[in-house]
Amino acid sequence: MLKRCVLKHRFSLLAFSRLNRKQQNRFLWKFTHVYMPERTPDGLLQRPPTDHQDFTKYEAIEDKQYQEPAPPIKMILLEDVDDVGDKFEILELSDNLAHKLYLTKKAAYASPFDLEYYGKKKEEFLAQKDTRIAKMPRDLAKIASKISSTIVPIYVSIRNEWVLNPLILATSMEQHGIRIPFKCLHLAGGEPMKGPDLKEDGRLIRFYATIEDKLIVPLLGRVLHNLFPEDQQLKTANNAQLLQFGLRPETIYFNPNGLQQIFEKEEIGTFMAKRPSNAITGAE
């Protein structure tokens, strides 16, 4: 069955591309001439479509084969993509998602060449990391990245005496939009900070969060006696700023077998202080 669809040839592509965008799916449309032009004799030039208005009229052929959505496309992820997959994972994605990830250079088509090329890249990528890191659940890695991405403002009293403890840290983190039980927060080794002491105002401190008894995440806090507007708060610290307060860069620690052995031997802060500053994330 034919559906008459008279279109100027110069506008047909534009009209149907708009229709495809509205449907948000990629379709294949099949056309035939309404009036079939005569065959061009051998040796002569073909008559242009503008030569006669009937030559610019087309019919869209209704065929279920050409009205079905495009099949999924096999892609290689070039980075971790939330709710999609991990770096170098090979997946079959919808054409819309595949197109979006390809344009943003987050994925590549799984052609034979790219399968071989990125297969070698994946081997190099895994060889540079401890194999135990690859076993870290992705949800834990996302949590660790989120809570360690900024400096937590720790507001303390300027009038009443206080001793820095996990409860104060938990309250400060909740005010910062991160809820972690105080039993999962641990101070760095040494004597806890006491106050009020305006000389210590603005000091960066190190503390740690344990997640699901498998992960230790180093965190940074900034002790403040007065409220500061959010746009004036220190968001991150470089190595020079850490050194100014006797701190150093630290990496997360992950042990799939749990942290019980550490708890039985020493404090979390003491354990983390013994690790090299450039220690590979994972159980040593």
Protein backbone atom coordinates (compact mmCIF):
# COMPACT_ATOMS: atom_id res chain seq x y z
CA MET A 1 0.00 0.00 0.00
CA LEU A 2 1.33 3.39 -1.00
CA LYS A 3 0.89 6.59 0.98
CA ARG A 4 0.86 9.64 -1.27
CA CYS A 5 3.36 12.16 0.01
CA VAL A 6 3.99 14.99 -2.47
CA LEU A 7 7.17 16.83 -1.48
CA LYS A 8 9.59 19.16 -3.15
CA HIS A 9 12.87 17.22 -3.28
CA ARG A 10 14.81 20.11 -1.76
CA PHE A 11 12.61 20.07 1.38
CA SER A 12 11.94 16.34 1.75
CA LEU A 13 15.10 15.56 3.77
CA LEU A 14 14.50 18.49 6.14
CA ALA A 15 10.86 17.58 6.72
CA PHE A 16 11.57 13.96 7.51
CA SER A 17 14.55 14.78 9.73
CA ARG A 18 12.23 16.96 11.81
CA LEU A 19 9.74 14.13 11.99
CA ASN A 20 12.47 11.76 13.18
CA ARG A 21 13.52 14.19 15.91
CA LYS A 22 9.97 14.43 17.19
CA GLN A 23 9.74 10.65 17.37
CA GLN A 24 13.20 10.52 19.01
CA ASN A 25 14.05 7.36 17.09
CA ARG A 26 16.07 6.71 13.97
CA PHE A 27 14.01 5.32 11.07
CA LEU A 28 14.76 4.36 7.51
CA TRP A 29 12.33 5.85 4.99
CA LYS A 30 11.91 4.36 1.53
CA PHE A 31 10.67 6.53 -1.37
CA THR A 32 9.71 6.05 -4.98
CA HIS A 33 8.90 8.55 -7.70
CA VAL A 34 5.23 9.44 -8.17
CA TYR A 35 5.93 9.84 -11.86
CA MET A 36 8.82 7.69 -12.98
CA PRO A 37 10.98 9.66 -15.44
CA GLU A 38 11.94 8.01 -18.68
CA ARG A 39 15.22 6.17 -18.82
CA THR A 40 18.08 8.39 -19.92
CA PRO A 41 19.51 7.08 -23.18
CA ASP A 42 23.10 5.94 -23.08
CA GLY A 43 25.59 8.73 -23.65
CA LEU A 44 23.19 11.52 -22.67
CA LEU A 45 22.99 13.52 -19.42
CA GLN A 46 20.18 12.68 -17.00
CA ARG A 47 17.42 15.30 -16.87
CA PRO A 48 17.59 17.34 -13.63
CA PRO A 49 14.65 16.99 -11.16
CA THR A 50 13.93 20.71 -11.57
CA ASP A 51 13.24 20.18 -15.27
CA HIS A 52 9.63 19.23 -14.53
CA GLN A 53 7.65 19.58 -11.30
CA ASP A 54 6.40 15.99 -11.53
CA PHE A 55 9.97 14.78 -11.14
CA THR A 56 10.09 16.30 -7.61
CA LYS A 57 7.09 14.33 -6.31
CA TYR A 58 7.72 11.21 -4.23
CA GLU A 59 5.73 8.49 -2.51
CA ALA A 60 6.70 7.08 0.89
CA ILE A 61 6.43 3.30 0.84
CA GLU A 62 4.83 1.88 3.98
CA ASP A 63 6.80 -1.17 5.00
CA LYS A 64 6.99 -2.49 8.56
CA GLN A 65 10.59 -3.45 7.91
CA TYR A 66 11.48 0.23 7.54
CA GLN A 67 9.31 1.57 10.39
CA GLU A 68 10.90 -0.34 13.24
CA PRO A 69 13.38 1.51 15.51
CA ALA A 70 17.02 1.05 14.70
CA PRO A 71 18.70 -1.93 16.41
CA PRO A 72 21.14 -1.36 19.32
CA ILE A 73 24.71 -0.40 18.51
CA LYS A 74 27.75 -2.09 20.02
CA MET A 75 29.97 0.53 21.70
CA ILE A 76 33.18 0.66 23.79
CA LEU A 77 33.03 2.99 26.79
CA LEU A 78 36.11 5.21 27.03
CA GLU A 79 35.37 6.26 30.62
CA ASP A 80 33.08 5.35 33.51
CA VAL A 81 29.53 6.49 32.70
CA ASP A 82 26.95 6.62 35.48
CA ASP A 83 24.10 4.10 35.07
CA VAL A 84 25.69 2.79 31.86
CA GLY A 85 28.96 0.96 32.53
CA ASP A 86 32.66 1.07 33.33
CA LYS A 87 35.64 2.18 31.29
CA PHE A 88 36.51 -0.12 28.34
CA GLU A 89 33.30 -2.13 28.83
CA ILE A 90 31.67 -3.29 25.57
CA LEU A 91 27.91 -2.76 25.53
CA GLU A 92 24.98 -2.70 23.13
CA LEU A 93 23.35 0.72 23.47
CA SER A 94 20.31 2.37 21.94
CA ASP A 95 21.11 4.47 18.90
CA ASN A 96 20.27 7.71 20.73
CA LEU A 97 22.52 6.96 23.71
CA ALA A 98 25.30 5.64 21.46
CA HIS A 99 25.15 8.84 19.38
CA LYS A 100 25.25 11.02 22.51
CA LEU A 101 28.23 9.20 24.04
CA TYR A 102 30.09 9.15 20.73
CA LEU A 103 29.75 12.90 20.23
CA THR A 104 30.99 13.60 23.76
CA LYS A 105 33.93 11.22 23.21
CA LYS A 106 32.80 8.96 26.03
CA ALA A 107 32.44 5.94 23.75
CA ALA A 108 33.66 4.58 20.42
CA TYR A 109 32.07 2.23 17.92
CA ALA A 110 33.11 -1.39 18.47
CA SER A 111 34.67 -1.83 15.05
CA PRO A 112 37.22 -4.62 14.59
CA PHE A 113 40.04 -2.07 14.66
CA ASP A 114 38.78 -0.34 17.83
CA LEU A 115 38.13 -3.66 19.56
CA GLU A 116 41.77 -4.57 19.07
CA TYR A 117 43.09 -1.06 19.83
CA TYR A 118 41.10 -0.48 23.02
CA GLY A 119 41.61 -4.10 24.07
CA LYS A 120 45.34 -3.32 24.33
CA LYS A 121 44.54 -0.03 26.08
CA LYS A 122 42.46 -1.92 28.64
CA GLU A 123 45.31 -4.33 29.37
CA GLU A 124 47.70 -1.39 29.87
CA PHE A 125 45.14 0.38 32.06
CA LEU A 126 44.68 -2.63 34.34
CA ALA A 127 48.42 -3.35 34.44
CA GLN A 128 49.06 0.10 35.93
CA LYS A 129 46.68 -0.52 38.81
CA ASP A 130 46.64 -3.04 41.60
CA THR A 131 44.36 -5.89 40.55
CA ARG A 132 42.55 -5.52 43.85
CA ILE A 133 41.39 -2.03 42.87
CA ALA A 134 39.45 -3.46 39.95
CA LYS A 135 37.40 -5.48 42.44
CA MET A 136 36.22 -2.40 44.28
CA PRO A 137 32.44 -2.08 43.81
CA ARG A 138 31.60 0.90 41.67
CA ASP A 139 29.05 2.24 44.16
CA LEU A 140 31.75 2.43 46.84
CA ALA A 141 34.09 4.25 44.48
CA LYS A 142 31.35 6.79 43.72
CA ILE A 143 30.68 7.37 47.43
CA ALA A 144 34.39 7.82 48.16
CA SER A 145 34.75 10.29 45.30
CA LYS A 146 31.74 12.30 46.41
CA ILE A 147 32.60 12.70 50.10
CA SER A 148 36.30 13.42 49.50
CA SER A 149 35.81 15.95 46.70
CA THR A 150 35.59 19.00 48.98
CA ILE A 151 36.80 20.42 52.30
CA VAL A 152 34.24 20.11 55.09
CA PRO A 153 33.76 23.34 57.15
CA ILE A 154 33.83 22.42 60.85
CA TYR A 155 32.17 25.16 62.90
CA VAL A 156 33.11 25.25 66.59
CA SER A 157 32.14 27.53 69.48
CA ILE A 158 34.06 30.74 70.10
CA ARG A 159 32.75 30.97 73.68
CA ASN A 160 32.33 27.46 75.08
CA GLU A 161 35.11 24.94 75.50
CA TRP A 162 35.18 21.99 73.12
CA VAL A 163 37.29 19.01 72.15
CA LEU A 164 37.19 17.88 68.53
CA ASN A 165 35.51 14.47 68.32
CA PRO A 166 33.63 12.30 65.78
CA LEU A 167 30.26 13.70 66.88
CA ILE A 168 31.33 17.25 65.94
CA LEU A 169 32.65 15.92 62.62
CA ALA A 170 29.39 14.07 61.89
CA THR A 171 27.33 17.18 62.65
CA SER A 172 29.54 19.33 60.42
CA MET A 173 29.32 16.83 57.55
CA GLU A 174 25.52 16.67 57.84
CA GLN A 175 25.38 20.47 57.65
CA HIS A 176 27.52 20.12 54.53
CA GLY A 177 24.99 17.72 52.99
CA ILE A 178 26.79 14.46 53.80
CA ARG A 179 25.29 12.10 56.38
CA ILE A 180 27.71 9.60 57.94
CA PRO A 181 27.25 8.02 61.41
CA PHE A 182 29.75 9.40 63.92
CA LYS A 183 30.90 5.85 64.70
CA CYS A 184 32.25 5.69 61.13
CA LEU A 185 34.37 8.85 61.52
CA HIS A 186 37.90 8.75 62.94
CA LEU A 187 40.34 11.47 63.90
CA ALA A 188 43.94 11.42 62.75
CA GLY A 189 46.49 10.18 65.25
CA GLY A 190 47.76 12.44 68.04
CA GLU A 191 46.11 14.70 70.59
CA PRO A 192 42.66 15.96 69.50
CA MET A 193 42.29 19.69 68.92
CA LYS A 194 40.78 21.74 71.75
CA GLY A 195 39.30 25.23 71.89
CA PRO A 196 38.24 27.88 71.59
CA ASP A 197 41.53 29.01 70.09
CA LEU A 198 41.42 31.74 67.46
CA LYS A 199 45.02 30.96 66.49
CA GLU A 200 43.74 27.68 65.06
CA ASP A 201 40.92 29.33 63.10
CA GLY A 202 41.08 28.22 59.48
CA ARG A 203 43.33 25.24 60.21
CA LEU A 204 43.02 22.24 57.91
CA ILE A 205 42.67 18.89 59.69
CA ARG A 206 42.70 15.31 58.51
CA PHE A 207 40.07 12.75 59.48
CA TYR A 208 38.77 9.51 58.01
CA ALA A 209 35.47 7.83 57.14
CA THR A 210 34.99 4.06 57.01
CA ILE A 211 32.42 2.79 54.50
CA GLU A 212 30.79 -0.64 54.79
CA ASP A 213 33.75 -1.89 56.86
CA LYS A 214 35.82 -2.19 53.65
CA LEU A 215 36.83 1.30 52.68
CA ILE A 216 38.79 4.07 54.44
CA VAL A 217 38.40 7.50 52.86
CA PRO A 218 40.78 10.35 53.86
CA LEU A 219 38.85 13.60 54.35
CA LEU A 220 39.81 17.21 54.95
CA GLY A 221 38.10 19.63 57.32
CA ARG A 222 38.62 23.31 58.07
CA VAL A 223 38.09 24.48 61.65
CA LEU A 224 36.11 27.75 61.79
CA HIS A 225 34.92 29.80 64.74
CA ASN A 226 32.80 32.09 62.59
CA LEU A 227 30.37 31.51 59.75
CA PHE A 228 31.68 32.21 56.29
CA PRO A 229 29.60 32.69 53.12
CA GLU A 230 29.72 29.56 50.99
CA ASP A 231 31.41 31.37 48.11
CA GLN A 232 34.29 32.34 50.44
CA GLN A 233 34.92 28.85 51.77
CA LEU A 234 37.99 26.88 50.76
CA LYS A 235 36.85 24.08 48.47
CA THR A 236 40.10 22.20 47.80
CA ALA A 237 43.71 22.32 48.99
CA ASN A 238 46.93 21.88 47.03
CA ASN A 239 50.09 20.22 48.33
CA ALA A 240 51.58 23.50 49.54
CA GLN A 241 48.47 24.28 51.61
CA LEU A 242 48.50 20.78 53.10
CA LEU A 243 52.18 21.11 54.00
CA GLN A 244 51.45 24.41 55.73
CA PHE A 245 49.37 22.51 58.30
CA GLY A 246 51.63 19.46 58.49
CA LEU A 247 49.44 17.33 56.23
CA ARG A 248 50.13 15.36 53.06
CA PRO A 249 48.10 13.94 50.18
CA GLU A 250 46.54 10.56 51.00
CA THR A 251 44.70 7.93 48.99
CA ILE A 252 41.75 5.77 49.91
CA TYR A 253 42.30 2.26 51.30
CA PHE A 254 40.12 -0.66 50.19
CA ASN A 255 40.17 -4.19 51.54
CA PRO A 256 37.47 -6.58 50.30
CA ASN A 257 38.09 -8.78 53.36
CA GLY A 258 37.12 -6.00 55.76
CA LEU A 259 38.87 -3.70 58.23
CA GLN A 260 38.53 -5.84 61.35
CA GLN A 261 42.23 -6.69 61.48
CA ILE A 262 43.08 -2.99 61.53
CA PHE A 263 40.57 -2.23 64.31
CA GLU A 264 42.06 -5.02 66.41
CA LYS A 265 45.63 -3.69 66.12
CA GLU A 266 45.43 0.11 66.08
CA GLU A 267 43.39 3.22 65.42
CA ILE A 268 42.41 4.07 61.85
CA GLY A 269 44.31 7.36 62.04
CA THR A 270 47.48 5.61 63.18
CA PHE A 271 47.20 3.00 60.45
CA MET A 272 46.68 5.58 57.69
CA ALA A 273 49.59 7.71 58.96
CA LYS A 274 51.94 4.76 58.39
CA ARG A 275 50.99 4.38 54.73
CA PRO A 276 53.16 6.06 52.08
CA SER A 277 51.60 9.27 50.77
CA ASN A 278 51.57 7.81 47.26
CA ALA A 279 50.31 4.37 48.30
CA ILE A 280 48.27 2.56 45.68
CA THR A 281 44.62 2.38 46.58
CA GLY A 282 43.93 -1.13 47.77
CA ALA A 283 44.92 -3.63 50.41
CA GLU A 284 48.69 -3.74 50.81
